[in-house]
C-alpha atoms as a PDB file:
ATOM      1  CA  MET A   1       1.709 -16.697 -14.674  1.00  0.00           C
ATOM      2  CA  LEU A   2       2.065 -19.343 -11.952  1.00  0.00           C
ATOM      3  CA  ILE A   3       5.874 -19.266 -12.049  1.00  0.00           C
ATOM      4  CA  GLY A   4       6.142 -15.505 -12.283  1.00  0.00           C
ATOM      5  CA  ALA A   5       3.649 -14.946  -9.449  1.00  0.00           C
ATOM      6  CA  SER A   6       5.491 -17.475  -7.276  1.00  0.00           C
ATOM      7  CA  ILE A   7       8.802 -15.751  -7.789  1.00  0.00           C
ATOM      8  CA  TYR A   8       7.222 -12.349  -7.133  1.00  0.00           C
ATOM      9  CA  TYR A   9       5.691 -13.374  -3.810  1.00  0.00           C
ATOM     10  CA  VAL A  10       8.899 -15.176  -2.709  1.00  0.00           C
ATOM     11  CA  GLN A  11      10.860 -11.990  -3.123  1.00  0.00           C
ATOM     12  CA  ILE A  12       8.060  -9.928  -1.511  1.00  0.00           C
ATOM     13  CA  ASN A  13       7.820 -12.148   1.572  1.00  0.00           C
ATOM     14  CA  CYS A  14      11.502 -13.081   2.000  1.00  0.00           C
ATOM     15  CA  GLY A  15      13.378  -9.984   0.938  1.00  0.00           C
ATOM     16  CA  ASN A  16      11.071  -6.994   1.404  1.00  0.00           C
ATOM     17  CA  GLN A  17      12.007  -4.410   4.007  1.00  0.00           C
ATOM     18  CA  ALA A  18       8.352  -3.919   5.083  1.00  0.00           C
ATOM     19  CA  MET A  19       7.836  -7.628   5.582  1.00  0.00           C
ATOM     20  CA  MET A  20      11.089  -8.103   7.489  1.00  0.00           C
ATOM     21  CA  GLN A  21      10.070  -5.386   9.923  1.00  0.00           C
ATOM     22  CA  ARG A  22       6.846  -7.185  10.612  1.00  0.00           C
ATOM     23  CA  PHE A  23       8.657 -10.491  11.154  1.00  0.00           C
ATOM     24  CA  LEU A  24      11.130  -8.871  13.516  1.00  0.00           C
ATOM     25  CA  SER A  25       8.295  -7.432  15.590  1.00  0.00           C
ATOM     26  CA  VAL A  26       7.304 -10.916  16.876  1.00  0.00           C
ATOM     27  CA  PRO A  27       9.293 -12.728  19.633  1.00  0.00           C
ATOM     28  CA  THR A  28      10.513 -15.838  17.831  1.00  0.00           C
ATOM     29  CA  VAL A  29      11.203 -17.296  14.406  1.00  0.00           C
ATOM     30  CA  LYS A  30       8.402 -19.793  14.991  1.00  0.00           C
ATOM     31  CA  ASP A  31       5.964 -16.934  15.507  1.00  0.00           C
ATOM     32  CA  ALA A  32       7.200 -15.293  12.288  1.00  0.00           C
ATOM     33  CA  LYS A  33       6.503 -18.541  10.409  1.00  0.00           C
ATOM     34  CA  HIS A  34       2.975 -18.679  11.832  1.00  0.00           C
ATOM     35  CA  CYS A  35       2.465 -15.048  10.730  1.00  0.00           C
ATOM     36  CA  LEU A  36       3.605 -15.940   7.195  1.00  0.00           C
ATOM     37  CA  ILE A  37       1.162 -18.884   7.044  1.00  0.00           C
ATOM     38  CA  PHE A  38      -1.790 -16.698   8.144  1.00  0.00           C
ATOM     39  CA  TYR A  39      -0.649 -13.986   5.672  1.00  0.00           C
ATOM     40  CA  SER A  40      -0.545 -16.529   2.809  1.00  0.00           C
ATOM     41  CA  CYS A  41      -4.088 -17.711   3.606  1.00  0.00           C
ATOM     42  CA  GLY A  42      -5.281 -14.114   3.690  1.00  0.00           C
ATOM     43  CA  ILE A  43      -3.667 -13.341   0.327  1.00  0.00           C
ATOM     44  CA  ILE A  44      -5.324 -16.327  -1.256  1.00  0.00           C
ATOM     45  CA  CYS A  45      -8.700 -15.291   0.135  1.00  0.00           C
ATOM     46  CA  ILE A  46      -8.392 -11.695  -1.000  1.00  0.00           C
ATOM     47  CA  TYR A  47      -7.488 -12.752  -4.564  1.00  0.00           C
ATOM     48  CA  LEU A  48     -10.406 -15.132  -4.700  1.00  0.00           C
ATOM     49  CA  MET A  49     -12.675 -12.377  -3.542  1.00  0.00           C
ATOM     50  CA  THR A  50     -11.270  -9.962  -6.078  1.00  0.00           C
ATOM     51  CA  LEU A  51     -11.745 -12.409  -8.909  1.00  0.00           C
ATOM     52  CA  TYR A  52     -15.346 -12.996  -7.853  1.00  0.00           C
ATOM     53  CA  ASN A  53     -16.032  -9.250  -7.729  1.00  0.00           C
ATOM     54  CA  GLY A  54     -14.692  -9.061 -11.261  1.00  0.00           C
ATOM     55  CA  LEU A  55     -17.231 -11.674 -12.338  1.00  0.00           C
ATOM     56  CA  LEU A  56     -19.982  -9.656 -10.679  1.00  0.00           C
ATOM     57  CA  ILE A  57     -18.952  -6.551 -12.580  1.00  0.00           C
ATOM     58  CA  PHE A  58     -19.009  -8.471 -15.865  1.00  0.00           C
ATOM     59  CA  ALA A  59     -22.415  -9.978 -15.087  1.00  0.00           C
ATOM     60  CA  LYS A  60     -24.007  -6.625 -14.183  1.00  0.00           C
ATOM     61  CA  TYR A  61     -22.536  -4.486 -17.000  1.00  0.00           C
ATOM     62  CA  HIS A  62     -22.212  -7.019 -19.823  1.00  0.00           C
ATOM     63  CA  ASP A  63     -24.826  -5.210 -21.895  1.00  0.00           C
ATOM     64  CA  CYS A  64     -23.943  -1.626 -20.813  1.00  0.00           C
ATOM     65  CA  ASP A  65     -20.325  -0.510 -20.780  1.00  0.00           C
ATOM     66  CA  PRO A  66     -19.944   2.126 -17.967  1.00  0.00           C
ATOM     67  CA  LEU A  67     -16.900   3.659 -19.654  1.00  0.00           C
ATOM     68  CA  THR A  68     -18.782   4.165 -22.886  1.00  0.00           C
ATOM     69  CA  THR A  69     -21.903   5.590 -21.287  1.00  0.00           C
ATOM     70  CA  GLY A  70     -19.930   7.883 -18.974  1.00  0.00           C
ATOM     71  CA  LEU A  71     -21.051   6.232 -15.730  1.00  0.00           C
ATOM     72  CA  SER A  72     -17.383   5.762 -14.870  1.00  0.00           C
ATOM     73  CA  LYS A  73     -14.415   7.861 -15.868  1.00  0.00           C
ATOM     74  CA  ALA A  74     -11.823   5.112 -15.635  1.00  0.00           C
ATOM     75  CA  SER A  75     -11.617   1.340 -15.273  1.00  0.00           C
ATOM     76  CA  ASP A  76     -10.327   1.853 -11.759  1.00  0.00           C
ATOM     77  CA  GLN A  77     -13.808   3.145 -10.825  1.00  0.00           C
ATOM     78  CA  LEU A  78     -15.790   0.103 -11.948  1.00  0.00           C
ATOM     79  CA  VAL A  79     -15.699  -1.561  -8.541  1.00  0.00           C
ATOM     80  CA  PRO A  80     -17.011   1.542  -6.627  1.00  0.00           C
ATOM     81  CA  LEU A  81     -19.674   1.913  -9.346  1.00  0.00           C
ATOM     82  CA  LEU A  82     -20.815  -1.627  -8.638  1.00  0.00           C
ATOM     83  CA  VAL A  83     -20.852  -0.850  -4.934  1.00  0.00           C
ATOM     84  CA  MET A  84     -23.052   2.186  -5.443  1.00  0.00           C
ATOM     85  CA  ASP A  85     -25.423   0.247  -7.707  1.00  0.00           C
ATOM     86  CA  VAL A  86     -25.627  -2.750  -5.456  1.00  0.00           C
ATOM     87  CA  LEU A  87     -25.459  -1.239  -1.945  1.00  0.00           C
ATOM     88  CA  GLY A  88     -26.174   2.475  -2.370  1.00  0.00           C
ATOM     89  CA  GLY A  89     -29.962   2.445  -2.664  1.00  0.00           C
ATOM     90  CA  VAL A  90     -30.679  -0.393  -0.255  1.00  0.00           C
ATOM     91  CA  PHE A  91     -28.006  -0.024   2.431  1.00  0.00           C
ATOM     92  CA  PRO A  92     -26.448   3.483   2.199  1.00  0.00           C
ATOM     93  CA  GLY A  93     -24.060   2.870   5.083  1.00  0.00           C
ATOM     94  CA  LEU A  94     -22.535  -0.160   3.448  1.00  0.00           C
ATOM     95  CA  ALA A  95     -21.112   1.873   0.545  1.00  0.00           C
ATOM     96  CA  GLY A  96     -19.275   3.906   3.189  1.00  0.00           C
ATOM     97  CA  CYS A  97     -17.924   0.638   4.670  1.00  0.00           C
ATOM     98  CA  PHE A  98     -16.538  -0.269   1.294  1.00  0.00           C
ATOM     99  CA  VAL A  99     -14.813   3.096   0.885  1.00  0.00           C
ATOM    100  CA  ALA A 100     -13.413   2.653   4.409  1.00  0.00           C
ATOM    101  CA  GLY A 101     -12.089  -0.738   3.389  1.00  0.00           C
ATOM    102  CA  VAL A 102     -10.373   0.516   0.264  1.00  0.00           C
ATOM    103  CA  PHE A 103      -8.744   3.348   2.162  1.00  0.00           C
ATOM    104  CA  SER A 104      -7.762   0.979   4.883  1.00  0.00           C
ATOM    105  CA  ALA A 105      -5.723  -1.027   2.403  1.00  0.00           C
ATOM    106  CA  ALA A 106      -4.080   2.163   1.141  1.00  0.00           C
ATOM    107  CA  LEU A 107      -3.334   3.504   4.647  1.00  0.00           C
ATOM    108  CA  SER A 108      -1.803   0.121   5.603  1.00  0.00           C
ATOM    109  CA  SER A 109       0.481   0.022   2.626  1.00  0.00           C
ATOM    110  CA  LEU A 110       1.485   3.662   2.910  1.00  0.00           C
ATOM    111  CA  SER A 111       2.216   3.622   6.618  1.00  0.00           C
ATOM    112  CA  THR A 112       4.298   0.444   6.266  1.00  0.00           C
ATOM    113  CA  GLY A 113       6.219   1.917   3.384  1.00  0.00           C
ATOM    114  CA  LEU A 114       6.922   5.171   5.214  1.00  0.00           C
ATOM    115  CA  ASN A 115       8.199   3.311   8.216  1.00  0.00           C
ATOM    116  CA  SER A 116      10.389   1.048   6.061  1.00  0.00           C
ATOM    117  CA  MET A 117      11.845   3.981   4.085  1.00  0.00           C
ATOM    118  CA  ALA A 118      12.705   5.771   7.330  1.00  0.00           C
ATOM    119  CA  ALA A 119      14.586   2.651   8.524  1.00  0.00           C
ATOM    120  CA  VAL A 120      16.526   2.241   5.269  1.00  0.00           C
ATOM    121  CA  ILE A 121      17.550   5.918   5.159  1.00  0.00           C
ATOM    122  CA  LEU A 122      18.607   5.772   8.806  1.00  0.00           C
ATOM    123  CA  GLU A 123      20.686   2.583   8.496  1.00  0.00           C
ATOM    124  CA  ASP A 124      22.188   3.060   5.060  1.00  0.00           C
ATOM    125  CA  PHE A 125      22.604   6.831   4.664  1.00  0.00           C
ATOM    126  CA  VAL A 126      22.652   8.479   8.048  1.00  0.00           C
ATOM    127  CA  LYS A 127      24.428   6.101  10.435  1.00  0.00           C
ATOM    128  CA  PRO A 128      27.371   5.174   8.079  1.00  0.00           C
ATOM    129  CA  ASN A 129      28.232   8.887   7.684  1.00  0.00           C
ATOM    130  CA  ARG A 130      28.177   9.675  11.400  1.00  0.00           C
ATOM    131  CA  SER A 131      31.451   9.654  13.374  1.00  0.00           C
ATOM    132  CA  VAL A 132      29.484   9.634  16.681  1.00  0.00           C
ATOM    133  CA  PRO A 133      26.610   7.220  17.213  1.00  0.00           C
ATOM    134  CA  LEU A 134      23.156   8.761  17.199  1.00  0.00           C
ATOM    135  CA  THR A 135      21.300   9.029  20.469  1.00  0.00           C
ATOM    136  CA  GLU A 136      17.822   7.546  20.812  1.00  0.00           C
ATOM    137  CA  LYS A 137      16.290  11.054  20.574  1.00  0.00           C
ATOM    138  CA  GLN A 138      18.271  11.850  17.425  1.00  0.00           C
ATOM    139  CA  THR A 139      17.331   8.525  15.846  1.00  0.00           C
ATOM    140  CA  ALA A 140      13.649   9.218  16.437  1.00  0.00           C
ATOM    141  CA  LEU A 141      14.034  12.734  15.037  1.00  0.00           C
ATOM    142  CA  VAL A 142      15.664  11.466  11.819  1.00  0.00           C
ATOM    143  CA  CYS A 143      12.924   8.828  11.301  1.00  0.00           C
ATOM    144  CA  LYS A 144      10.102  11.291  11.899  1.00  0.00           C
ATOM    145  CA  SER A 145      11.697  13.894   9.583  1.00  0.00           C
ATOM    146  CA  VAL A 146      11.957  11.316   6.769  1.00  0.00           C
ATOM    147  CA  VAL A 147       8.285  10.338   7.193  1.00  0.00           C
ATOM    148  CA  ILE A 148       7.108  13.942   7.079  1.00  0.00           C
ATOM    149  CA  ILE A 149       9.254  14.873   4.036  1.00  0.00           C
ATOM    150  CA  VAL A 150       8.196  11.780   2.081  1.00  0.00           C
ATOM    151  CA  GLY A 151       4.590  12.356   3.009  1.00  0.00           C
ATOM    152  CA  ILE A 152       4.723  15.887   1.568  1.00  0.00           C
ATOM    153  CA  LEU A 153       6.448  14.546  -1.554  1.00  0.00           C
ATOM    154  CA  CYS A 154       3.638  12.001  -2.046  1.00  0.00           C
ATOM    155  CA  ILE A 155       1.005  14.716  -2.161  1.00  0.00           C
ATOM    156  CA  GLY A 156       2.897  16.545  -4.855  1.00  0.00           C
ATOM    157  CA  LEU A 157       3.478  13.383  -6.945  1.00  0.00           C
ATOM    158  CA  VAL A 158      -0.253  12.557  -6.983  1.00  0.00           C
ATOM    159  CA  PHE A 159      -0.600  15.315  -9.651  1.00  0.00           C
ATOM    160  CA  VAL A 160       2.106  13.561 -11.677  1.00  0.00           C
ATOM    161  CA  VAL A 161       0.275  10.198 -11.412  1.00  0.00           C
ATOM    162  CA  GLU A 162      -2.898  11.748 -12.648  1.00  0.00           C
ATOM    163  CA  LYS A 163      -1.176  13.330 -15.723  1.00  0.00           C
ATOM    164  CA  LEU A 164       1.053  10.462 -16.786  1.00  0.00           C
ATOM    165  CA  GLY A 165      -1.314   7.574 -16.057  1.00  0.00           C
ATOM    166  CA  MET A 166      -0.002   4.155 -17.051  1.00  0.00           C
ATOM    167  CA  ILE A 167       3.428   5.537 -17.926  1.00  0.00           C
ATOM    168  CA  TYR A 168       3.929   6.441 -14.262  1.00  0.00           C
ATOM    169  CA  PHE A 169       2.631   3.011 -13.182  1.00  0.00           C
ATOM    170  CA  CYS A 170       5.293   1.370 -15.360  1.00  0.00           C
ATOM    171  CA  CYS A 171       7.958   3.422 -13.606  1.00  0.00           C
ATOM    172  CA  ASP A 172       7.086   1.557 -10.397  1.00  0.00           C
ATOM    173  CA  SER A 173       9.019  -1.436 -11.828  1.00  0.00           C
ATOM    174  CA  ILE A 174      12.350   0.228 -10.846  1.00  0.00           C
ATOM    175  CA  LYS A 175      11.738  -0.712  -7.233  1.00  0.00           C
ATOM    176  CA  LEU A 176      14.316  -3.173  -5.913  1.00  0.00           C
ATOM    177  CA  ASN A 177      14.668  -5.130  -2.741  1.00  0.00           C
ATOM    178  CA  CYS A 178      17.281  -3.438  -0.547  1.00  0.00           C
ATOM    179  CA  LEU A 179      17.613  -6.443   1.745  1.00  0.00           C
ATOM    180  CA  LEU A 180      18.949  -8.595  -1.099  1.00  0.00           C
ATOM    181  CA  PHE A 181      21.743  -6.098  -1.596  1.00  0.00           C
ATOM    182  CA  GLN A 182      22.838  -6.582   1.993  1.00  0.00           C
ATOM    183  CA  TYR A 183      23.724 -10.132   1.054  1.00  0.00           C
ATOM    184  CA  PHE A 184      25.530  -8.926  -2.068  1.00  0.00           C
ATOM    185  CA  GLU A 185      27.531  -6.550   0.105  1.00  0.00           C
ATOM    186  CA  ARG A 186      29.166  -9.501   1.807  1.00  0.00           C
ATOM    187  CA  ARG A 187      30.109 -11.030  -1.542  1.00  0.00           C
ATOM    188  CA  PHE A 188      31.212  -7.815  -3.239  1.00  0.00           C
ATOM    189  CA  ASN A 189      31.399  -4.425  -1.441  1.00  0.00           C
ATOM    190  CA  SER A 190      29.329  -1.739   0.277  1.00  0.00           C
ATOM    191  CA  SER A 191      28.811   0.156  -2.950  1.00  0.00           C
ATOM    192  CA  LEU A 192      26.427  -2.450  -4.232  1.00  0.00           C
ATOM    193  CA  ARG A 193      24.334  -2.269  -1.087  1.00  0.00           C
ATOM    194  CA  LEU A 194      24.273   1.537  -1.386  1.00  0.00           C
ATOM    195  CA  PHE A 195      23.015   1.208  -4.978  1.00  0.00           C
ATOM    196  CA  GLY A 196      20.260  -1.085  -3.824  1.00  0.00           C
ATOM    197  CA  SER A 197      19.220   1.266  -1.084  1.00  0.00           C
ATOM    198  CA  VAL A 198      19.060   4.224  -3.492  1.00  0.00           C
ATOM    199  CA  MET A 199      16.931   2.244  -5.913  1.00  0.00           C
ATOM    200  CA  TYR A 200      14.642   1.091  -3.093  1.00  0.00           C
ATOM    201  CA  VAL A 201      14.113   4.651  -1.853  1.00  0.00           C
ATOM    202  CA  VAL A 202      13.388   5.907  -5.405  1.00  0.00           C
ATOM    203  CA  GLY A 203      11.072   2.993  -6.112  1.00  0.00           C
ATOM    204  CA  GLU A 204       9.116   3.521  -2.909  1.00  0.00           C
ATOM    205  CA  ALA A 205       8.838   7.230  -3.588  1.00  0.00           C
ATOM    206  CA  VAL A 206       7.382   6.398  -6.993  1.00  0.00           C
ATOM    207  CA  TRP A 207       4.946   3.860  -5.583  1.00  0.00           C
ATOM    208  CA  PHE A 208       3.626   5.889  -2.623  1.00  0.00           C
ATOM    209  CA  PRO A 209       1.571   8.326  -4.819  1.00  0.00           C
ATOM    210  CA  ILE A 210       0.004   5.307  -6.614  1.00  0.00           C
ATOM    211  CA  ALA A 211      -1.104   3.938  -3.232  1.00  0.00           C
ATOM    212  CA  LEU A 212      -2.777   7.319  -2.578  1.00  0.00           C
ATOM    213  CA  TYR A 213      -4.245   7.972  -6.005  1.00  0.00           C
ATOM    214  CA  VAL A 214      -6.016   4.681  -6.712  1.00  0.00           C
ATOM    215  CA  PRO A 215      -8.244   4.687  -3.579  1.00  0.00           C
ATOM    216  CA  ALA A 216      -8.840   8.389  -4.035  1.00  0.00           C
ATOM    217  CA  LEU A 217     -10.490   7.529  -7.361  1.00  0.00           C
ATOM    218  CA  THR A 218     -12.849   5.196  -5.482  1.00  0.00           C
ATOM    219  CA  PHE A 219     -13.688   7.934  -2.974  1.00  0.00           C
ATOM    220  CA  ASN A 220     -14.358  10.323  -5.878  1.00  0.00           C
ATOM    221  CA  GLN A 221     -16.731   7.896  -7.544  1.00  0.00           C
ATOM    222  CA  VAL A 222     -18.713   7.231  -4.376  1.00  0.00           C
ATOM    223  CA  THR A 223     -18.807  10.727  -2.877  1.00  0.00           C
ATOM    224  CA  GLY A 224     -17.936  13.152  -5.643  1.00  0.00           C
ATOM    225  CA  ILE A 225     -15.226  14.775  -3.585  1.00  0.00           C
ATOM    226  CA  GLY A 226     -12.149  15.663  -5.676  1.00  0.00           C
ATOM    227  CA  VAL A 227      -9.040  13.535  -5.738  1.00  0.00           C
ATOM    228  CA  HIS A 228      -6.863  16.487  -4.837  1.00  0.00           C
ATOM    229  CA  THR A 229      -9.017  17.200  -1.815  1.00  0.00           C
ATOM    230  CA  ILE A 230      -8.901  13.794  -0.224  1.00  0.00           C
ATOM    231  CA  THR A 231      -5.275  12.838  -0.894  1.00  0.00           C
ATOM    232  CA  PRO A 232      -3.677  15.511   1.346  1.00  0.00           C
ATOM    233  CA  ILE A 233      -6.080  14.592   4.183  1.00  0.00           C
ATOM    234  CA  VAL A 234      -5.304  10.837   3.924  1.00  0.00           C
ATOM    235  CA  CYS A 235      -1.597  11.414   3.581  1.00  0.00           C
ATOM    236  CA  GLY A 236      -1.632  13.747   6.582  1.00  0.00           C
ATOM    237  CA  ILE A 237      -3.375  11.164   8.737  1.00  0.00           C
ATOM    238  CA  VAL A 238      -0.956   8.390   7.779  1.00  0.00           C
ATOM    239  CA  THR A 239       2.061  10.648   8.306  1.00  0.00           C
ATOM    240  CA  PHE A 240       0.811  11.653  11.735  1.00  0.00           C
ATOM    241  CA  TYR A 241       0.192   8.237  13.176  1.00  0.00           C
ATOM    242  CA  THR A 242       3.341   6.788  11.623  1.00  0.00           C
ATOM    243  CA  CYS A 243       5.418   9.600  13.193  1.00  0.00           C
ATOM    244  CA  VAL A 244       3.770   9.238  16.613  1.00  0.00           C
ATOM    245  CA  GLY A 245       3.452   5.459  16.909  1.00  0.00           C
ATOM    246  CA  GLY A 246       6.183   4.081  14.686  1.00  0.00           C
ATOM    247  CA  LEU A 247       6.073   0.381  13.861  1.00  0.00           C
ATOM    248  CA  LYS A 248       3.638  -0.389  16.693  1.00  0.00           C
ATOM    249  CA  ALA A 249       1.128   1.997  15.195  1.00  0.00           C
ATOM    250  CA  VAL A 250       1.607   0.470  11.773  1.00  0.00           C
ATOM    251  CA  VAL A 251       1.012  -3.082  13.059  1.00  0.00           C
ATOM    252  CA  TRP A 252      -2.129  -2.194  15.005  1.00  0.00           C
ATOM    253  CA  THR A 253      -3.619  -0.145  12.228  1.00  0.00           C
ATOM    254  CA  ASP A 254      -2.912  -3.071   9.872  1.00  0.00           C
ATOM    255  CA  VAL A 255      -5.104  -5.245  12.068  1.00  0.00           C
ATOM    256  CA  VAL A 256      -8.055  -2.873  12.167  1.00  0.00           C
ATOM    257  CA  GLN A 257      -7.717  -1.980   8.458  1.00  0.00           C
ATOM    258  CA  SER A 258      -7.554  -5.621   7.391  1.00  0.00           C
ATOM    259  CA  GLY A 259     -10.813  -6.330   9.173  1.00  0.00           C
ATOM    260  CA  LEU A 260     -12.515  -3.401   7.361  1.00  0.00           C
ATOM    261  CA  MET A 261     -11.068  -4.444   4.010  1.00  0.00           C
ATOM    262  CA  TYR A 262     -12.229  -8.058   4.276  1.00  0.00           C
ATOM    263  CA  GLY A 263     -15.598  -7.134   5.651  1.00  0.00           C
ATOM    264  CA  SER A 264     -16.334  -4.640   2.920  1.00  0.00           C
ATOM    265  CA  ILE A 265     -15.406  -7.079   0.091  1.00  0.00           C
ATOM    266  CA  LEU A 266     -17.605  -9.761   1.669  1.00  0.00           C
ATOM    267  CA  LEU A 267     -20.566  -7.389   1.834  1.00  0.00           C
ATOM    268  CA  VAL A 268     -20.244  -6.524  -1.818  1.00  0.00           C
ATOM    269  CA  MET A 269     -19.963 -10.226  -2.778  1.00  0.00           C
ATOM    270  CA  ILE A 270     -23.024 -11.296  -0.732  1.00  0.00           C
ATOM    271  CA  LYS A 271     -25.311  -8.471  -1.773  1.00  0.00           C
ATOM    272  CA  GLY A 272     -24.102  -8.519  -5.393  1.00  0.00           C
ATOM    273  CA  THR A 273     -24.849 -12.246  -5.657  1.00  0.00           C
ATOM    274  CA  TYR A 274     -28.314 -12.214  -4.069  1.00  0.00           C
END
């Protein structure tokens, strides 16, 4: 697990399109290294918090399985069930903070992915097939069109995720790092880079509905509102601010959403323990 996780995070942090866009948004390489250090510390903290919340779930429901009794429809809803039991009756507003934190993580991932896919399609599919360079206005139009089309596709694929379940989750493994294929292009030819870009686009398109569906289950457990009601609203919001603000909107929403996410997990840990 240690070796596999290390390799996984190396390729995520050093060859992922979304991460590269974040690194390129800072002035110098030194600043990018500082960002990576803070990110690594944050990932370690979030995993420790997640593991502790898992222990809280086990301690609270060790003698009463929520899946067997029908309190929860799926294992993905165990955490929101814990939140409702721990925070719902005493501090009603805190359960809402937790839902906001979960959706913040989903919005962050989705907006980053949409922005990255727009960049890949622009650089690898649109620009190479143009005899005349795109103007700034045309470039913006292409990127916004990609974001809108993929956003609509995500809403439709949520139904597929719900029906196929874990089979669909396994399909997410086809996602490849398109940046690595840019290096392979120098060694071989442009066809290999094109193959990598196609696989990246397909993999991201498969993953986006998962990023929508999982937090929608949490919202459904806490509020009772249907999954198919909330996913179009969330996807519409993400598509809108990604189109309007681009990478700058993605970065700033990441900051706000990270604060909500960490705060909500801490609240559950503190109240669940005491």
